[in-house]
Amino acid sequence: MARACLVLLDMRMPVMDGWGFARAAAERGFKVPLLVMTAAEKAKTWSDEIRADGFVAKPFDLVDLVSAVQRLAAAS
């Protein structure tokens, strides 16, 4: 099975929100960088709440997303 080098995480998802995902991942010992993607005005606050490694606020420029992904992937 391939190992994920990072997770792109939307905070508002229909079945499990970003907080629930982060909690479940931590409980299972899943250690992978989290990059939050959200349209919320509190993008940084929400990212900090789940101890994410970074965030991009929607709408975002593709260059900003790729840059954040590359930075986190290189650090993992």
Protein backbone atom coordinates (compact mmCIF):
# COMPACT_ATOMS: atom_id res chain seq x y z
CA MET A 1 0.00 0.00 0.00
CA ALA A 2 1.30 3.44 -0.92
CA ARG A 3 2.04 5.87 1.88
CA ALA A 4 0.48 9.32 1.70
CA CYS A 5 2.95 12.18 1.93
CA LEU A 6 0.26 14.71 2.86
CA VAL A 7 -3.49 15.17 3.17
CA LEU A 8 -5.43 17.97 1.49
CA LEU A 9 -8.23 18.53 3.99
CA ASP A 10 -11.42 20.50 3.50
CA MET A 11 -12.84 21.53 6.87
CA ARG A 12 -16.48 21.31 5.79
CA MET A 13 -17.26 17.86 4.45
CA PRO A 14 -20.65 16.12 4.53
CA VAL A 15 -19.85 12.94 6.49
CA MET A 16 -16.85 13.87 8.64
CA ASP A 17 -15.61 17.44 9.01
CA GLY A 18 -11.96 18.44 9.23
CA TRP A 19 -11.95 18.43 13.03
CA GLY A 20 -13.33 14.89 13.10
CA PHE A 21 -10.83 13.71 10.51
CA ALA A 22 -7.89 15.23 12.38
CA ARG A 23 -9.08 13.70 15.65
CA ALA A 24 -9.58 10.25 14.07
CA ALA A 25 -6.19 10.39 12.34
CA ALA A 26 -4.44 11.32 15.60
CA GLU A 27 -6.24 8.56 17.53
CA ARG A 28 -4.99 6.03 14.97
CA GLY A 29 -1.42 7.35 15.08
CA PHE A 30 -1.62 8.59 11.49
CA LYS A 31 1.29 11.02 11.17
CA VAL A 32 1.14 12.90 7.90
CA PRO A 33 1.18 16.63 7.18
CA LEU A 34 -2.28 18.19 6.90
CA LEU A 35 -2.94 21.04 4.48
CA VAL A 36 -6.29 22.68 5.20
CA MET A 37 -8.28 24.09 2.28
CA THR A 38 -11.27 26.15 3.34
CA ALA A 39 -13.38 29.11 2.29
CA ALA A 40 -13.92 30.10 5.92
CA GLU A 41 -12.80 33.54 7.00
CA LYS A 42 -11.07 31.82 9.93
CA ALA A 43 -8.89 29.56 7.77
CA LYS A 44 -5.75 30.10 9.86
CA THR A 45 -7.62 29.71 13.15
CA TRP A 46 -9.23 26.47 12.01
CA SER A 47 -5.88 25.22 10.74
CA ASP A 48 -4.29 26.01 14.09
CA GLU A 49 -7.14 24.30 15.98
CA ILE A 50 -6.39 20.94 14.37
CA ARG A 51 -2.62 21.51 14.39
CA ALA A 52 -2.45 21.40 10.60
CA ASP A 53 0.87 22.03 8.94
CA GLY A 54 -0.50 24.68 6.61
CA PHE A 55 -3.57 26.12 4.95
CA VAL A 56 -4.76 27.73 1.75
CA ALA A 57 -7.85 29.90 1.80
CA LYS A 58 -10.44 29.47 -0.94
CA PRO A 59 -10.58 30.79 -3.50
CA PHE A 60 -6.87 30.16 -3.93
CA ASP A 61 -4.53 30.51 -6.85
CA LEU A 62 -3.28 27.19 -8.23
CA VAL A 63 0.31 28.39 -7.85
CA ASP A 64 -0.28 28.92 -4.11
CA LEU A 65 -1.76 25.43 -3.72
CA VAL A 66 1.09 23.75 -5.60
CA SER A 67 3.63 25.74 -3.60
CA ALA A 68 2.07 24.68 -0.29
CA VAL A 69 1.89 21.03 -1.39
CA GLN A 70 5.52 21.05 -2.51
CA ARG A 71 6.66 22.65 0.75
CA LEU A 72 4.85 20.11 2.92
CA ALA A 73 5.78 17.12 0.76
CA ALA A 74 9.45 18.08 0.92
CA ALA A 75 9.27 18.39 4.71
CA SER A 76 7.67 14.95 5.22
